[in-house]
Amino acid sequence: MTLRIAAAALPLLLAASVAMAETADLAAEKLFPYLSNYYDLPAAQRDHFQMAYFFHVKGDRNAVSVVLKGNGDQPLAIAGDGRVSPLPSATDLKAKRKLTLSAPKGTSVGVEIKLLVAAKPAAALDAGYLSTAVQQAHDGAKKAAGLLGMVVPNYQTVCFPGAQNGTVVLKSGASAALKIETNPDKKTSVPCFTPSETRDAVQITLDRAPSAMVIVPKPKA
């Protein structure tokens, strides 16, 4: 089994490839890097955004399992899109609890980190909440990077994969179409909202609820 850690949203995280046995015990921080930095932020500075970890499996994904060991073993679920939940808590990380990762021989497991808006995805969204989420992600990443002596992207935008178009409603009552940008997966185009470009926005309306609300650097013009 090969474990690869990458982060499209966090280029500061160096890609790593580790050849592993079919079952391997890892420190929780190994499989979920930078999660402790997120927890170190004051709660009021991270309540609008969250870190999410996704497994990208080459092989039989249903045969891959991860279990948080100690204090009663806790299996972690892997959703259809690869998202792992629940994540180890701050207490788990401080206690240095181990994870057991199991997969068939020859399987490659990639771990991708994304920053997401904490609210549940919906077709109608409060622009102020999204603006706060983007600002928190921006400031939190900069703070963590400063402690680590690294450089992070300039998070400014939230994109809505799963939606095809949307509008932003202004305080005046006027509305405008959201910009359509290249999705972070580089395969599709999705509506995106950059708060700094529309500071008087009050609501975002999408044609459908998105599958996620991903915070990314401002797309290049």
Foldseek 3Di string as FASTA:
>chain_A
DWEWEDELFWNQDDIDIDDDDQKDKAFLCVQVPPQLLQVPDPCVLQVFKDKWKFKDKDDDPVQKWKWFDDPDIHTWDQDPRRTTDDRDDNVSNVVRIMMMIGDDPPMYIYMYMFMFGPDAFWQKDFVVSVQSNQVSVQVSVVVVCVVVVHDTARWFKKWFAPFAWKWWAFPVRDIDTFDWAQPSVNPDITGMDGCVVHVRTTMMGTPTGGPTITTHHDDDD
